[in-house]
C-alpha cells in the first residue's frame, strides 16, 4: 500500500497506526535521475528525517526506524523489505 504523507503529524499518526507492521518511507526529489527511475515503485515523501542522499528509503517498525537505504536499486530495496517483513 502506498500512502502519501503531507506533514509530520500525519506521518506520526500513520506510524503509530501501523503498530508492528513494517513501514517503508521513501524520500525523493523530482530533479533526481535515480528518483525518477524508482518513482513507479513508491511515491515521494518529505525531507523531515534529515535525508543526506536521494532517493532514501527509511523502514520503521513500531514507530522506530530500523533501517535506511539510499539508491535506486529496486532489487536490493525489495530484498531488504522482504528480509524485514
N, C-alpha and C. Protein backbone atom coordinates (compact mmCIF):
# COMPACT_ATOMS: atom_id res chain seq x y z
N UNK A 1 0.84 -1.18 0.00
CA UNK A 1 0.00 0.00 0.00
C UNK A 1 0.89 1.24 0.00
N UNK A 2 0.61 2.18 -0.86
CA UNK A 2 1.35 3.44 -0.92
C UNK A 2 0.49 4.52 -0.29
N UNK A 3 1.09 5.30 0.60
CA UNK A 3 0.37 6.38 1.29
C UNK A 3 1.19 7.66 1.14
N UNK A 4 0.61 8.70 0.61
CA UNK A 4 1.28 10.00 0.55
C UNK A 4 1.06 10.72 1.87
N UNK A 5 2.14 11.18 2.47
CA UNK A 5 2.09 11.86 3.76
C UNK A 5 2.40 13.33 3.54
N UNK A 6 1.59 14.21 4.11
CA UNK A 6 1.73 15.64 3.84
C UNK A 6 2.47 16.43 4.92
N UNK A 7 2.51 15.90 6.17
CA UNK A 7 3.21 16.62 7.23
C UNK A 7 3.62 15.65 8.34
N UNK A 8 4.39 16.16 9.29
CA UNK A 8 4.95 15.33 10.35
C UNK A 8 3.86 14.71 11.22
N UNK A 9 2.80 15.45 11.52
CA UNK A 9 1.72 14.90 12.35
C UNK A 9 1.07 13.70 11.66
N UNK A 10 0.84 13.82 10.35
CA UNK A 10 0.23 12.72 9.60
C UNK A 10 1.16 11.50 9.59
N UNK A 11 2.47 11.74 9.46
CA UNK A 11 3.43 10.63 9.47
C UNK A 11 3.42 9.93 10.83
N UNK A 12 3.44 10.70 11.91
CA UNK A 12 3.43 10.11 13.25
C UNK A 12 2.17 9.27 13.47
N UNK A 13 1.02 9.77 13.04
CA UNK A 13 -0.24 9.04 13.17
C UNK A 13 -0.20 7.74 12.38
N UNK A 14 0.33 7.82 11.16
CA UNK A 14 0.42 6.64 10.30
C UNK A 14 1.34 5.59 10.91
N UNK A 15 2.50 6.01 11.42
CA UNK A 15 3.45 5.08 12.02
C UNK A 15 2.86 4.41 13.27
N UNK A 16 2.16 5.18 14.07
CA UNK A 16 1.54 4.63 15.28
C UNK A 16 0.48 3.60 14.91
N UNK A 17 -0.34 3.91 13.90
CA UNK A 17 -1.40 3.01 13.47
C UNK A 17 -0.85 1.72 12.87
N UNK A 18 0.35 1.77 12.30
CA UNK A 18 0.95 0.59 11.68
C UNK A 18 1.37 -0.45 12.71
N UNK A 19 1.54 -0.03 13.96
CA UNK A 19 1.92 -0.98 15.00
C UNK A 19 3.21 -1.69 14.68
N UNK A 20 3.18 -3.03 14.66
CA UNK A 20 4.41 -3.80 14.41
C UNK A 20 4.60 -4.12 12.93
N UNK A 21 3.74 -3.62 12.06
CA UNK A 21 3.92 -3.82 10.62
C UNK A 21 5.09 -2.98 10.13
N UNK A 22 5.78 -3.48 9.11
CA UNK A 22 6.88 -2.74 8.50
C UNK A 22 6.34 -1.56 7.70
N UNK A 23 6.92 -0.39 7.90
CA UNK A 23 6.58 0.81 7.13
C UNK A 23 7.84 1.27 6.42
N UNK A 24 7.79 1.42 5.11
CA UNK A 24 8.92 1.91 4.31
C UNK A 24 8.62 3.34 3.91
N UNK A 25 9.51 4.27 4.27
CA UNK A 25 9.33 5.67 3.93
C UNK A 25 10.39 6.03 2.89
N UNK A 26 9.95 6.60 1.78
CA UNK A 26 10.85 6.96 0.68
C UNK A 26 10.88 8.47 0.53
N UNK A 27 12.08 9.03 0.45
CA UNK A 27 12.27 10.47 0.25
C UNK A 27 12.90 10.65 -1.13
N UNK A 28 12.37 11.57 -1.94
CA UNK A 28 12.91 11.76 -3.28
C UNK A 28 12.76 13.21 -3.72
N UNK A 29 13.33 13.50 -4.87
CA UNK A 29 13.22 14.83 -5.48
C UNK A 29 12.91 14.65 -6.96
N UNK A 30 12.06 15.51 -7.50
CA UNK A 30 11.66 15.39 -8.91
C UNK A 30 12.84 15.57 -9.87
N UNK A 31 13.89 16.31 -9.47
CA UNK A 31 15.04 16.58 -10.34
C UNK A 31 16.07 15.47 -10.31
N UNK A 32 15.93 14.50 -9.45
CA UNK A 32 16.91 13.43 -9.24
C UNK A 32 16.70 12.29 -10.23
N UNK A 33 17.71 11.99 -11.04
CA UNK A 33 17.62 10.90 -12.02
C UNK A 33 17.29 9.55 -11.40
N UNK A 34 18.03 9.10 -10.36
CA UNK A 34 17.69 7.83 -9.73
C UNK A 34 16.27 7.83 -9.13
N UNK A 35 15.84 8.97 -8.60
CA UNK A 35 14.48 9.07 -8.05
C UNK A 35 13.45 8.85 -9.16
N UNK A 36 13.70 9.42 -10.33
CA UNK A 36 12.77 9.27 -11.44
C UNK A 36 12.68 7.81 -11.87
N UNK A 37 13.81 7.08 -11.78
CA UNK A 37 13.79 5.66 -12.14
C UNK A 37 13.02 4.83 -11.12
N UNK A 38 13.11 5.17 -9.85
CA UNK A 38 12.47 4.37 -8.79
C UNK A 38 11.04 4.84 -8.52
N UNK A 39 10.65 6.00 -9.03
CA UNK A 39 9.34 6.60 -8.74
C UNK A 39 8.16 5.65 -8.93
N UNK A 40 8.11 4.83 -10.00
CA UNK A 40 6.95 3.94 -10.14
C UNK A 40 6.79 2.98 -8.97
N UNK A 41 7.86 2.67 -8.27
CA UNK A 41 7.78 1.72 -7.15
C UNK A 41 7.12 2.33 -5.92
N UNK A 42 7.43 3.59 -5.63
CA UNK A 42 6.85 4.26 -4.44
C UNK A 42 6.65 5.74 -4.73
N UNK A 43 5.84 6.41 -3.93
CA UNK A 43 5.59 7.85 -4.09
C UNK A 43 6.52 8.67 -3.21
N UNK A 44 6.63 9.94 -3.54
CA UNK A 44 7.54 10.80 -2.80
C UNK A 44 7.00 11.22 -1.43
N UNK A 45 7.89 11.49 -0.52
CA UNK A 45 7.53 11.97 0.82
C UNK A 45 8.40 13.16 1.18
N UNK A 46 8.31 13.65 2.39
CA UNK A 46 9.03 14.86 2.82
C UNK A 46 10.47 14.56 3.24
N UNK A 47 11.23 15.61 3.54
CA UNK A 47 12.62 15.51 3.94
C UNK A 47 12.79 15.75 5.44
N UNK A 48 11.79 15.40 6.21
CA UNK A 48 11.78 15.67 7.64
C UNK A 48 12.88 14.93 8.40
N UNK A 49 13.30 13.77 7.88
CA UNK A 49 14.23 12.92 8.62
C UNK A 49 15.69 13.11 8.25
N UNK A 50 16.08 14.32 7.89
CA UNK A 50 17.48 14.66 7.61
C UNK A 50 18.11 13.76 6.56
N UNK A 51 17.44 13.63 5.45
CA UNK A 51 17.92 12.79 4.35
C UNK A 51 19.17 13.42 3.75
N UNK A 52 20.23 12.62 3.60
CA UNK A 52 21.50 13.11 3.07
C UNK A 52 21.71 12.78 1.60
N UNK A 53 20.91 11.86 1.06
CA UNK A 53 21.02 11.45 -0.34
C UNK A 53 19.62 11.11 -0.84
N UNK A 54 19.45 11.19 -2.13
CA UNK A 54 18.17 10.81 -2.72
C UNK A 54 18.41 9.82 -3.85
N UNK A 55 17.54 8.83 -4.02
CA UNK A 55 16.41 8.53 -3.15
C UNK A 55 16.86 7.84 -1.86
N UNK A 56 16.15 8.10 -0.79
CA UNK A 56 16.38 7.48 0.51
C UNK A 56 15.09 6.81 0.96
N UNK A 57 15.23 5.58 1.45
CA UNK A 57 14.11 4.82 1.99
C UNK A 57 14.42 4.53 3.44
N UNK A 58 13.49 4.82 4.31
CA UNK A 58 13.64 4.52 5.73
C UNK A 58 12.55 3.53 6.11
N UNK A 59 12.93 2.48 6.85
CA UNK A 59 12.00 1.45 7.25
C UNK A 59 11.75 1.55 8.76
N UNK A 60 10.50 1.42 9.14
CA UNK A 60 10.08 1.59 10.52
C UNK A 60 9.28 0.39 10.99
N UNK A 61 9.41 0.07 12.26
CA UNK A 61 8.52 -0.87 12.94
C UNK A 61 8.23 -0.28 14.30
N UNK A 62 6.97 -0.29 14.68
CA UNK A 62 6.52 0.25 15.96
C UNK A 62 7.08 1.66 16.20
N UNK A 63 6.97 2.49 15.21
CA UNK A 63 7.38 3.90 15.18
C UNK A 63 8.89 4.12 15.23
N UNK A 64 9.70 3.06 15.29
CA UNK A 64 11.16 3.20 15.37
C UNK A 64 11.79 2.89 14.02
N UNK A 65 12.72 3.75 13.58
CA UNK A 65 13.45 3.49 12.34
C UNK A 65 14.39 2.33 12.58
N UNK A 66 14.30 1.30 11.71
CA UNK A 66 15.14 0.12 11.88
C UNK A 66 16.16 -0.03 10.76
N UNK A 67 16.00 0.70 9.66
CA UNK A 67 16.94 0.58 8.55
C UNK A 67 16.77 1.76 7.60
N UNK A 68 17.86 2.15 6.96
CA UNK A 68 17.82 3.20 5.93
C UNK A 68 18.57 2.71 4.72
N UNK A 69 18.00 2.93 3.54
CA UNK A 69 18.58 2.50 2.27
C UNK A 69 18.61 3.69 1.33
N UNK A 70 19.76 3.95 0.73
CA UNK A 70 19.89 5.04 -0.25
C UNK A 70 20.25 4.42 -1.60
N UNK A 71 19.61 4.90 -2.66
CA UNK A 71 19.92 4.43 -4.00
C UNK A 71 18.68 4.03 -4.75
N UNK A 72 18.89 3.61 -6.01
CA UNK A 72 17.77 3.28 -6.88
C UNK A 72 17.83 1.83 -7.35
N UNK A 73 18.42 0.95 -6.56
CA UNK A 73 18.50 -0.46 -6.90
C UNK A 73 17.23 -1.15 -6.40
N UNK A 74 16.28 -1.32 -7.28
CA UNK A 74 14.97 -1.87 -6.91
C UNK A 74 15.09 -3.28 -6.34
N UNK A 75 16.01 -4.08 -6.87
CA UNK A 75 16.17 -5.45 -6.37
C UNK A 75 16.69 -5.47 -4.93
N UNK A 76 17.69 -4.63 -4.63
CA UNK A 76 18.20 -4.55 -3.26
C UNK A 76 17.13 -4.03 -2.31
N UNK A 77 16.37 -3.04 -2.76
CA UNK A 77 15.30 -2.49 -1.93
C UNK A 77 14.26 -3.57 -1.63
N UNK A 78 13.82 -4.28 -2.65
CA UNK A 78 12.82 -5.33 -2.46
C UNK A 78 13.34 -6.43 -1.55
N UNK A 79 14.61 -6.82 -1.72
CA UNK A 79 15.20 -7.86 -0.88
C UNK A 79 15.23 -7.42 0.59
N UNK A 80 15.57 -6.17 0.85
CA UNK A 80 15.61 -5.68 2.23
C UNK A 80 14.21 -5.64 2.83
N UNK A 81 13.24 -5.20 2.04
CA UNK A 81 11.85 -5.18 2.51
C UNK A 81 11.41 -6.60 2.87
N UNK A 82 11.70 -7.55 2.00
CA UNK A 82 11.31 -8.95 2.26
C UNK A 82 12.01 -9.47 3.53
N UNK A 83 13.28 -9.11 3.71
CA UNK A 83 14.03 -9.55 4.88
C UNK A 83 13.43 -9.00 6.17
N UNK A 84 12.95 -7.76 6.15
CA UNK A 84 12.44 -7.12 7.35
C UNK A 84 10.98 -7.41 7.66
N UNK A 85 10.27 -8.01 6.72
CA UNK A 85 8.84 -8.29 6.94
C UNK A 85 8.66 -9.46 7.88
